[in-house]
Amino acid sequence: MVVIRLARGGSKKRPFYNIVVANSRQRRDGRFIEKVGFYNPVASGAAESLRVAIDRVSYWVGVGAQLSPTVERLVTEAKKAAV
């Protein structure tokens, strides 16, 4: 099954997440099919904290990919900010 989920990056105590499309059997930070955005929970100042390619997420959901609960929340937040 294909899932859209977060892959963790960044250093200790400074998380950074890529929003990726991956096979559900791959490791969390392992191989992925496509990167569709990022989420930086510790962004400060003028730094961008969330970027999502809504069109690519819509495509993957259309062909059967499942969103993780956290990514689903982030995508709805990004859609709300885009309006």
Protein backbone atom coordinates (compact mmCIF):
# COMPACT_ATOMS: atom_id res chain seq x y z
CA MET A 1 0.00 0.00 0.00
CA VAL A 2 1.19 3.53 -0.75
CA VAL A 3 1.08 6.03 2.12
CA ILE A 4 1.77 9.72 2.45
CA ARG A 5 3.65 10.23 5.71
CA LEU A 6 6.36 12.19 7.49
CA ALA A 7 10.05 11.26 7.21
CA ARG A 8 12.14 12.76 10.01
CA GLY A 9 15.29 14.71 9.40
CA GLY A 10 17.17 17.41 11.24
CA SER A 11 19.41 17.10 14.24
CA LYS A 12 18.79 16.13 17.83
CA LYS A 13 16.17 18.41 19.47
CA ARG A 14 15.65 20.24 16.10
CA PRO A 15 13.21 18.08 14.10
CA PHE A 16 12.46 18.66 10.43
CA TYR A 17 10.04 16.50 8.50
CA ASN A 18 9.69 15.80 4.79
CA ILE A 19 6.22 14.85 3.59
CA VAL A 20 6.81 11.86 1.35
CA VAL A 21 4.90 9.29 -0.69
CA ALA A 22 6.25 5.85 0.17
CA ASN A 23 5.47 2.17 0.17
CA SER A 24 4.10 1.28 3.61
CA ARG A 25 6.65 -1.53 3.98
CA GLN A 26 9.62 0.84 3.77
CA ARG A 27 11.23 2.28 6.90
CA ARG A 28 10.09 5.69 8.16
CA ASP A 29 13.19 7.49 6.86
CA GLY A 30 13.94 4.99 4.10
CA ARG A 31 13.24 4.92 0.40
CA PHE A 32 10.34 6.98 -0.91
CA ILE A 33 8.61 7.52 -4.24
CA GLU A 34 8.17 11.30 -4.20
CA LYS A 35 8.67 14.24 -1.86
CA VAL A 36 5.54 16.42 -1.77
CA GLY A 37 6.44 18.96 0.91
CA PHE A 38 7.98 19.65 4.28
CA TYR A 39 7.02 20.57 7.84
CA ASN A 40 9.30 22.45 10.25
CA PRO A 41 7.68 22.54 13.71
CA VAL A 42 10.45 24.71 15.22
CA ALA A 43 10.47 27.40 12.50
CA SER A 44 10.83 30.88 13.90
CA GLY A 45 10.66 34.37 12.48
CA ALA A 46 10.17 34.60 8.73
CA ALA A 47 11.09 30.94 8.15
CA GLU A 48 8.46 28.89 6.34
CA SER A 49 7.09 26.15 8.57
CA LEU A 50 4.88 24.22 6.14
CA ARG A 51 4.87 23.69 2.38
CA VAL A 52 2.68 21.11 0.66
CA ALA A 53 2.18 20.48 -3.06
CA ILE A 54 -1.61 20.11 -2.84
CA ASP A 55 -1.92 19.07 -6.50
CA ARG A 56 0.51 16.16 -6.02
CA VAL A 57 -1.21 15.05 -2.80
CA SER A 58 -4.56 15.11 -4.63
CA TYR A 59 -3.07 13.01 -7.43
CA TRP A 60 -1.71 10.38 -5.05
CA VAL A 61 -4.94 10.20 -3.06
CA GLY A 62 -6.79 9.82 -6.37
CA VAL A 63 -4.74 6.75 -7.28
CA GLY A 64 -5.28 5.14 -3.86
CA ALA A 65 -2.64 6.46 -1.46
CA GLN A 66 -3.57 6.76 2.22
CA LEU A 67 -2.74 9.82 4.32
CA SER A 68 -1.33 9.37 7.80
CA PRO A 69 -3.36 11.19 10.49
CA THR A 70 -0.67 13.85 11.00
CA VAL A 71 -0.24 14.48 7.28
CA GLU A 72 -4.02 14.72 6.91
CA ARG A 73 -4.06 17.46 9.56
CA LEU A 74 -1.18 19.30 7.88
CA VAL A 75 -2.80 19.11 4.43
CA THR A 76 -6.07 20.57 5.71
CA GLU A 77 -4.07 23.33 7.42
CA ALA A 78 -2.22 24.06 4.15
CA LYS A 79 -5.48 24.12 2.17
CA LYS A 80 -6.97 26.56 4.67
CA ALA A 81 -3.90 28.82 4.42
CA ALA A 82 -4.00 28.73 0.59
CA VAL A 83 -7.54 30.14 0.45
